[in-house]
Amino acid sequence: MAARDGSRCFYCWIPFDDPADGTLDHYVPLCMWRTSKPWNFVLACQPCNNAKADRLPWPLVWLLLAGARPEAGQLAA
């Protein structure tokens, strides 16, 4: 993951002295989408990984909500 994403926490961007200090986090939580493909893993520091836990990251939530919004002038059902 460090070769792909850099040797820093994906969430807070604090660099790791050693990439082995990071933890692997499922970007989309395993409890929501049962996949362990490499693209679903990010390198995270322990505090960020613990804080995110089994929740979706906010940028992904915003994208999902933006795609679900009705067009301007239309009423939601």
PDB file of N, CA and C in Angstrom:
ATOM      1  N   MET A   1       0.809  -1.185   0.000  1.00  0.00           N
ATOM      2  CA  MET A   1       0.000   0.000   0.000  1.00  0.00           C
ATOM      3  C   MET A   1       0.868   1.271   0.000  1.00  0.00           C
ATOM      4  N   ALA A   2       1.995   1.229   0.727  1.00  0.00           N
ATOM      5  CA  ALA A   2       2.846   2.419   0.796  1.00  0.00           C
ATOM      6  C   ALA A   2       3.392   2.783  -0.579  1.00  0.00           C
ATOM      7  N   ALA A   3       3.696   1.776  -1.404  1.00  0.00           N
ATOM      8  CA  ALA A   3       4.196   2.060  -2.752  1.00  0.00           C
ATOM      9  C   ALA A   3       3.115   2.728  -3.600  1.00  0.00           C
ATOM     10  N   ARG A   4       1.866   2.347  -3.384  1.00  0.00           N
ATOM     11  CA  ARG A   4       0.756   2.903  -4.156  1.00  0.00           C
ATOM     12  C   ARG A   4       0.323   4.272  -3.640  1.00  0.00           C
ATOM     13  N   ASP A   5       0.159   4.395  -2.324  1.00  0.00           N
ATOM     14  CA  ASP A   5      -0.449   5.588  -1.722  1.00  0.00           C
ATOM     15  C   ASP A   5       0.538   6.522  -1.040  1.00  0.00           C
ATOM     16  N   GLY A   6       1.782   6.129  -0.934  1.00  0.00           N
ATOM     17  CA  GLY A   6       2.746   6.921  -0.173  1.00  0.00           C
ATOM     18  C   GLY A   6       2.830   6.397   1.245  1.00  0.00           C
ATOM     19  N   SER A   7       3.875   6.751   1.925  1.00  0.00           N
ATOM     20  CA  SER A   7       4.108   6.254   3.275  1.00  0.00           C
ATOM     21  C   SER A   7       3.542   7.217   4.304  1.00  0.00           C
ATOM     22  N   ARG A   8       2.215   7.384   4.249  1.00  0.00           N
ATOM     23  CA  ARG A   8       1.522   8.282   5.186  1.00  0.00           C
ATOM     24  C   ARG A   8       0.102   7.754   5.406  1.00  0.00           C
ATOM     25  N   CYS A   9      -0.522   8.235   6.454  1.00  0.00           N
ATOM     26  CA  CYS A   9      -1.900   7.851   6.750  1.00  0.00           C
ATOM     27  C   CYS A   9      -2.820   8.417   5.667  1.00  0.00           C
ATOM     28  N   PHE A  10      -3.684   7.586   5.155  1.00  0.00           N
ATOM     29  CA  PHE A  10      -4.619   7.986   4.109  1.00  0.00           C
ATOM     30  C   PHE A  10      -5.570   9.081   4.596  1.00  0.00           C
ATOM     31  N   TYR A  11      -5.904   9.083   5.878  1.00  0.00           N
ATOM     32  CA  TYR A  11      -6.910  10.006   6.407  1.00  0.00           C
ATOM     33  C   TYR A  11      -6.320  11.319   6.934  1.00  0.00           C
ATOM     34  N   CYS A  12      -5.264  11.258   7.733  1.00  0.00           N
ATOM     35  CA  CYS A  12      -4.713  12.485   8.326  1.00  0.00           C
ATOM     36  C   CYS A  12      -3.422  12.951   7.641  1.00  0.00           C
ATOM     37  N   TRP A  13      -2.901  12.165   6.764  1.00  0.00           N
ATOM     38  CA  TRP A  13      -1.707  12.463   5.953  1.00  0.00           C
ATOM     39  C   TRP A  13      -0.419  12.582   6.761  1.00  0.00           C
ATOM     40  N   ILE A  14      -0.422  12.172   7.998  1.00  0.00           N
ATOM     41  CA  ILE A  14       0.817  12.183   8.780  1.00  0.00           C
ATOM     42  C   ILE A  14       1.714  11.065   8.250  1.00  0.00           C
ATOM     43  N   PRO A  15       2.967  11.409   7.910  1.00  0.00           N
ATOM     44  CA  PRO A  15       3.863  10.386   7.351  1.00  0.00           C
ATOM     45  C   PRO A  15       4.303   9.379   8.410  1.00  0.00           C
ATOM     46  N   PHE A  16       4.565   8.154   7.953  1.00  0.00           N
ATOM     47  CA  PHE A  16       5.093   7.107   8.822  1.00  0.00           C
ATOM     48  C   PHE A  16       6.614   7.099   8.705  1.00  0.00           C
ATOM     49  N   ASP A  17       7.299   6.951   9.833  1.00  0.00           N
ATOM     50  CA  ASP A  17       8.751   6.753   9.787  1.00  0.00           C
ATOM     51  C   ASP A  17       9.047   5.425   9.097  1.00  0.00           C
ATOM     52  N   ASP A  18       8.193   4.441   9.380  1.00  0.00           N
ATOM     53  CA  ASP A  18       8.306   3.115   8.778  1.00  0.00           C
ATOM     54  C   ASP A  18       6.896   2.714   8.351  1.00  0.00           C
ATOM     55  N   PRO A  19       6.668   2.347   7.066  1.00  0.00           N
ATOM     56  CA  PRO A  19       5.321   1.960   6.632  1.00  0.00           C
ATOM     57  C   PRO A  19       4.729   0.814   7.454  1.00  0.00           C
ATOM     58  N   ALA A  20       5.586   0.017   8.077  1.00  0.00           N
ATOM     59  CA  ALA A  20       5.093  -1.083   8.914  1.00  0.00           C
ATOM     60  C   ALA A  20       4.365  -0.562  10.148  1.00  0.00           C
ATOM     61  N   ASP A  21       4.539   0.730  10.477  1.00  0.00           N
ATOM     62  CA  ASP A  21       3.830   1.323  11.610  1.00  0.00           C
ATOM     63  C   ASP A  21       2.355   1.551  11.288  1.00  0.00           C
ATOM     64  N   GLY A  22       1.994   1.545  10.016  1.00  0.00           N
ATOM     65  CA  GLY A  22       0.605   1.768   9.609  1.00  0.00           C
ATOM     66  C   GLY A  22      -0.224   0.506   9.730  1.00  0.00           C
ATOM     67  N   THR A  23      -1.524   0.691   9.669  1.00  0.00           N
ATOM     68  CA  THR A  23      -2.455  -0.443   9.669  1.00  0.00           C
ATOM     69  C   THR A  23      -3.199  -0.437   8.338  1.00  0.00           C
ATOM     70  N   LEU A  24      -3.690  -1.597   7.931  1.00  0.00           N
ATOM     71  CA  LEU A  24      -4.508  -1.671   6.729  1.00  0.00           C
ATOM     72  C   LEU A  24      -5.957  -1.462   7.129  1.00  0.00           C
ATOM     73  N   ASP A  25      -6.610  -0.580   6.426  1.00  0.00           N
ATOM     74  CA  ASP A  25      -8.018  -0.287   6.692  1.00  0.00           C
ATOM     75  C   ASP A  25      -8.826  -0.578   5.439  1.00  0.00           C
ATOM     76  N   HIS A  26      -9.971  -1.218   5.597  1.00  0.00           N
ATOM     77  CA  HIS A  26     -10.910  -1.371   4.486  1.00  0.00           C
ATOM     78  C   HIS A  26     -11.561  -0.008   4.273  1.00  0.00           C
ATOM     79  N   TYR A  27     -11.339   0.614   3.117  1.00  0.00           N
ATOM     80  CA  TYR A  27     -11.932   1.927   2.825  1.00  0.00           C
ATOM     81  C   TYR A  27     -13.451   1.824   2.910  1.00  0.00           C
ATOM     82  N   VAL A  28     -14.034   0.890   2.189  1.00  0.00           N
ATOM     83  CA  VAL A  28     -15.451   0.563   2.363  1.00  0.00           C
ATOM     84  C   VAL A  28     -15.459  -0.585   3.366  1.00  0.00           C
ATOM     85  N   PRO A  29     -16.047  -0.389   4.543  1.00  0.00           N
ATOM     86  CA  PRO A  29     -15.964  -1.385   5.604  1.00  0.00           C
ATOM     87  C   PRO A  29     -16.408  -2.781   5.162  1.00  0.00           C
ATOM     88  N   LEU A  30     -15.700  -3.757   5.667  1.00  0.00           N
ATOM     89  CA  LEU A  30     -15.976  -5.151   5.342  1.00  0.00           C
ATOM     90  C   LEU A  30     -17.399  -5.539   5.724  1.00  0.00           C
ATOM     91  N   CYS A  31     -17.942  -4.935   6.773  1.00  0.00           N
ATOM     92  CA  CYS A  31     -19.303  -5.263   7.197  1.00  0.00           C
ATOM     93  C   CYS A  31     -20.346  -4.753   6.192  1.00  0.00           C
ATOM     94  N   MET A  32     -19.961  -3.788   5.343  1.00  0.00           N
ATOM     95  CA  MET A  32     -20.883  -3.237   4.346  1.00  0.00           C
ATOM     96  C   MET A  32     -20.683  -3.838   2.967  1.00  0.00           C
ATOM     97  N   TRP A  33     -19.449  -4.247   2.680  1.00  0.00           N
ATOM     98  CA  TRP A  33     -19.159  -4.817   1.368  1.00  0.00           C
ATOM     99  C   TRP A  33     -18.064  -5.846   1.554  1.00  0.00           C
ATOM    100  N   ARG A  34     -18.422  -7.097   1.502  1.00  0.00           N
ATOM    101  CA  ARG A  34     -17.510  -8.190   1.815  1.00  0.00           C
ATOM    102  C   ARG A  34     -16.505  -8.428   0.693  1.00  0.00           C
ATOM    103  N   THR A  35     -15.531  -7.533   0.584  1.00  0.00           N
ATOM    104  CA  THR A  35     -14.453  -7.703  -0.380  1.00  0.00           C
ATOM    105  C   THR A  35     -13.132  -7.302   0.258  1.00  0.00           C
ATOM    106  N   SER A  36     -12.122  -8.064  -0.063  1.00  0.00           N
ATOM    107  CA  SER A  36     -10.777  -7.749   0.415  1.00  0.00           C
ATOM    108  C   SER A  36      -9.840  -7.557  -0.771  1.00  0.00           C
ATOM    109  N   LYS A  37     -10.350  -6.883  -1.793  1.00  0.00           N
ATOM    110  CA  LYS A  37      -9.531  -6.569  -2.966  1.00  0.00           C
ATOM    111  C   LYS A  37      -8.531  -5.483  -2.583  1.00  0.00           C
ATOM    112  N   PRO A  38      -7.353  -5.470  -3.211  1.00  0.00           N
ATOM    113  CA  PRO A  38      -6.332  -4.470  -2.860  1.00  0.00           C
ATOM    114  C   PRO A  38      -6.810  -3.024  -2.974  1.00  0.00           C
ATOM    115  N   TRP A  39      -7.692  -2.717  -3.921  1.00  0.00           N
ATOM    116  CA  TRP A  39      -8.151  -1.333  -4.091  1.00  0.00           C
ATOM    117  C   TRP A  39      -9.024  -0.865  -2.935  1.00  0.00           C
ATOM    118  N   ASN A  40      -9.503  -1.790  -2.103  1.00  0.00           N
ATOM    119  CA  ASN A  40     -10.344  -1.405  -0.972  1.00  0.00           C
ATOM    120  C   ASN A  40      -9.529  -1.198   0.311  1.00  0.00           C
ATOM    121  N   PHE A  41      -8.208  -1.378   0.243  1.00  0.00           N
ATOM    122  CA  PHE A  41      -7.355  -1.174   1.407  1.00  0.00           C
ATOM    123  C   PHE A  41      -6.618   0.145   1.309  1.00  0.00           C
ATOM    124  N   VAL A  42      -6.490   0.825   2.423  1.00  0.00           N
ATOM    125  CA  VAL A  42      -5.660   2.024   2.528  1.00  0.00           C
ATOM    126  C   VAL A  42      -4.786   1.868   3.760  1.00  0.00           C
ATOM    127  N   LEU A  43      -3.657   2.556   3.754  1.00  0.00           N
ATOM    128  CA  LEU A  43      -2.749   2.564   4.888  1.00  0.00           C
ATOM    129  C   LEU A  43      -3.197   3.673   5.837  1.00  0.00           C
ATOM    130  N   ALA A  44      -3.411   3.324   7.102  1.00  0.00           N
ATOM    131  CA  ALA A  44      -3.909   4.299   8.082  1.00  0.00           C
ATOM    132  C   ALA A  44      -3.155   4.155   9.395  1.00  0.00           C
ATOM    133  N   CYS A  45      -3.032   5.274  10.097  1.00  0.00           N
ATOM    134  CA  CYS A  45      -2.462   5.189  11.443  1.00  0.00           C
ATOM    135  C   CYS A  45      -3.526   4.555  12.362  1.00  0.00           C
ATOM    136  N   GLN A  46      -3.054   4.028  13.471  1.00  0.00           N
ATOM    137  CA  GLN A  46      -3.979   3.345  14.389  1.00  0.00           C
ATOM    138  C   GLN A  46      -5.100   4.256  14.889  1.00  0.00           C
ATOM    139  N   PRO A  47      -4.816   5.518  15.299  1.00  0.00           N
ATOM    140  CA  PRO A  47      -5.913   6.375  15.762  1.00  0.00           C
ATOM    141  C   PRO A  47      -6.973   6.627  14.680  1.00  0.00           C
ATOM    142  N   CYS A  48      -6.549   6.873  13.441  1.00  0.00           N
ATOM    143  CA  CYS A  48      -7.524   7.107  12.364  1.00  0.00           C
ATOM    144  C   CYS A  48      -8.313   5.843  12.046  1.00  0.00           C
ATOM    145  N   ASN A  49      -7.632   4.708  12.027  1.00  0.00           N
ATOM    146  CA  ASN A  49      -8.309   3.445  11.749  1.00  0.00           C
ATOM    147  C   ASN A  49      -9.355   3.163  12.828  1.00  0.00           C
ATOM    148  N   ASN A  50      -8.994   3.395  14.087  1.00  0.00           N
ATOM    149  CA  ASN A  50      -9.941   3.179  15.185  1.00  0.00           C
ATOM    150  C   ASN A  50     -11.106   4.164  15.113  1.00  0.00           C
ATOM    151  N   ALA A  51     -10.826   5.422  14.767  1.00  0.00           N
ATOM    152  CA  ALA A  51     -11.881   6.441  14.709  1.00  0.00           C
ATOM    153  C   ALA A  51     -12.871   6.143  13.584  1.00  0.00           C
ATOM    154  N   LYS A  52     -12.385   5.688  12.442  1.00  0.00           N
ATOM    155  CA  LYS A  52     -13.265   5.382  11.309  1.00  0.00           C
ATOM    156  C   LYS A  52     -14.092   4.149  11.624  1.00  0.00           C
ATOM    157  N   ALA A  53     -13.470   3.142  12.213  1.00  0.00           N
ATOM    158  CA  ALA A  53     -14.128   1.892  12.592  1.00  0.00           C
ATOM    159  C   ALA A  53     -14.885   1.292  11.403  1.00  0.00           C
ATOM    160  N   ASP A  54     -16.157   0.974  11.575  1.00  0.00           N
ATOM    161  CA  ASP A  54     -16.968   0.342  10.523  1.00  0.00           C
ATOM    162  C   ASP A  54     -17.890   1.336   9.846  1.00  0.00           C
ATOM    163  N   ARG A  55     -17.414   2.567   9.677  1.00  0.00           N
ATOM    164  CA  ARG A  55     -18.225   3.593   9.014  1.00  0.00           C
ATOM    165  C   ARG A  55     -17.646   3.902   7.640  1.00  0.00           C
ATOM    166  N   LEU A  56     -18.484   4.427   6.780  1.00  0.00           N
ATOM    167  CA  LEU A  56     -17.994   4.904   5.490  1.00  0.00           C
ATOM    168  C   LEU A  56     -17.259   6.208   5.693  1.00  0.00           C
ATOM    169  N   PRO A  57     -16.174   6.446   4.966  1.00  0.00           N
ATOM    170  CA  PRO A  57     -15.502   7.737   5.063  1.00  0.00           C
ATOM    171  C   PRO A  57     -16.374   8.837   4.469  1.00  0.00           C
ATOM    172  N   TRP A  58     -16.320  10.035   5.041  1.00  0.00           N
ATOM    173  CA  TRP A  58     -17.196  11.134   4.618  1.00  0.00           C
ATOM    174  C   TRP A  58     -17.123  11.460   3.131  1.00  0.00           C
ATOM    175  N   PRO A  59     -15.943  11.488   2.517  1.00  0.00           N
ATOM    176  CA  PRO A  59     -15.938  11.797   1.075  1.00  0.00           C
ATOM    177  C   PRO A  59     -16.773  10.818   0.254  1.00  0.00           C
ATOM    178  N   LEU A  60     -16.764   9.558   0.648  1.00  0.00           N
ATOM    179  CA  LEU A  60     -17.583   8.573  -0.063  1.00  0.00           C
ATOM    180  C   LEU A  60     -19.068   8.804   0.207  1.00  0.00           C
ATOM    181  N   VAL A  61     -19.415   9.144   1.424  1.00  0.00           N
ATOM    182  CA  VAL A  61     -20.811   9.451   1.763  1.00  0.00           C
ATOM    183  C   VAL A  61     -21.305  10.633   0.939  1.00  0.00           C
ATOM    184  N   TRP A  62     -20.476  11.687   0.832  1.00  0.00           N
ATOM    185  CA  TRP A  62     -20.872  12.870   0.061  1.00  0.00           C
ATOM    186  C   TRP A  62     -21.117  12.514  -1.399  1.00  0.00           C
ATOM    187  N   LEU A  63     -20.243  11.687  -1.970  1.00  0.00           N
ATOM    188  CA  LEU A  63     -20.428  11.280  -3.366  1.00  0.00           C
ATOM    189  C   LEU A  63     -21.711  10.480  -3.549  1.00  0.00           C
ATOM    190  N   LEU A  64     -21.978   9.580  -2.627  1.00  0.00           N
ATOM    191  CA  LEU A  64     -23.205   8.778  -2.719  1.00  0.00           C
ATOM    192  C   LEU A  64     -24.446   9.648  -2.593  1.00  0.00           C
ATOM    193  N   LEU A  65     -24.420  10.590  -1.671  1.00  0.00           N
ATOM    194  CA  LEU A  65     -25.562  11.479  -1.493  1.00  0.00           C
ATOM    195  C   LEU A  65     -25.743  12.418  -2.681  1.00  0.00           C
ATOM    196  N   ALA A  66     -24.648  12.900  -3.242  1.00  0.00           N
ATOM    197  CA  ALA A  66     -24.743  13.790  -4.407  1.00  0.00           C
ATOM    198  C   ALA A  66     -25.363  13.069  -5.587  1.00  0.00           C
ATOM    199  N   GLY A  67     -25.067  11.794  -5.752  1.00  0.00           N
ATOM    200  CA  GLY A  67     -25.640  11.011  -6.840  1.00  0.00           C
ATOM    201  C   GLY A  67     -27.105  10.685  -6.618  1.00  0.00           C
ATOM    202  N   ALA A  68     -27.561  10.751  -5.373  1.00  0.00           N
ATOM    203  CA  ALA A  68     -28.944  10.412  -5.051  1.00  0.00           C
ATOM    204  C   ALA A  68     -29.857  11.629  -5.027  1.00  0.00           C
ATOM    205  N   ARG A  69     -29.290  12.838  -5.142  1.00  0.00           N
ATOM    206  CA  ARG A  69     -30.097  14.061  -5.088  1.00  0.00           C
ATOM    207  C   ARG A  69     -30.929  14.206  -6.346  1.00  0.00           C
ATOM    208  N   PRO A  70     -32.173  14.629  -6.196  1.00  0.00           N
ATOM    209  CA  PRO A  70     -32.980  14.888  -7.395  1.00  0.00           C
ATOM    210  C   PRO A  70     -32.446  16.124  -8.125  1.00  0.00           C
ATOM    211  N   GLU A  71     -32.708  16.202  -9.403  1.00  0.00           N
ATOM    212  CA  GLU A  71     -32.300  17.362 -10.189  1.00  0.00           C
ATOM    213  C   GLU A  71     -33.001  18.615  -9.679  1.00  0.00           C
ATOM    214  N   ALA A  72     -32.430  19.755  -9.942  1.00  0.00           N
ATOM    215  CA  ALA A  72     -33.015  21.024  -9.509  1.00  0.00           C
ATOM    216  C   ALA A  72     -34.427  21.170 -10.083  1.00  0.00           C
ATOM    217  N   GLY A  73     -35.342  21.583  -9.268  1.00  0.00           N
ATOM    218  CA  GLY A  73     -36.716  21.775  -9.715  1.00  0.00           C
ATOM    219  C   GLY A  73     -37.596  20.541  -9.567  1.00  0.00           C
ATOM    220  N   GLN A  74     -37.011  19.399  -9.230  1.00  0.00           N
ATOM    221  CA  GLN A  74     -37.801  18.179  -9.054  1.00  0.00           C
ATOM    222  C   GLN A  74     -38.005  17.940  -7.561  1.00  0.00           C
ATOM    223  N   LEU A  75     -39.140  17.433  -7.222  1.00  0.00           N
ATOM    224  CA  LEU A  75     -39.433  17.102  -5.835  1.00  0.00           C
ATOM    225  C   LEU A  75     -39.031  15.665  -5.566  1.00  0.00           C
ATOM    226  N   ALA A  76     -38.476  15.433  -4.387  1.00  0.00           N
ATOM    227  CA  ALA A  76     -38.133  14.057  -3.995  1.00  0.00           C
ATOM    228  C   ALA A  76     -39.417  13.318  -3.669  1.00  0.00           C
ATOM    229  N   ALA A  77     -39.442  12.059  -3.969  1.00  0.00           N
ATOM    230  CA  ALA A  77     -40.621  11.234  -3.709  1.00  0.00           C
ATOM    231  C   ALA A  77     -40.702  10.852  -2.264  1.00  0.00           C
TER     232      ALA A  77
END
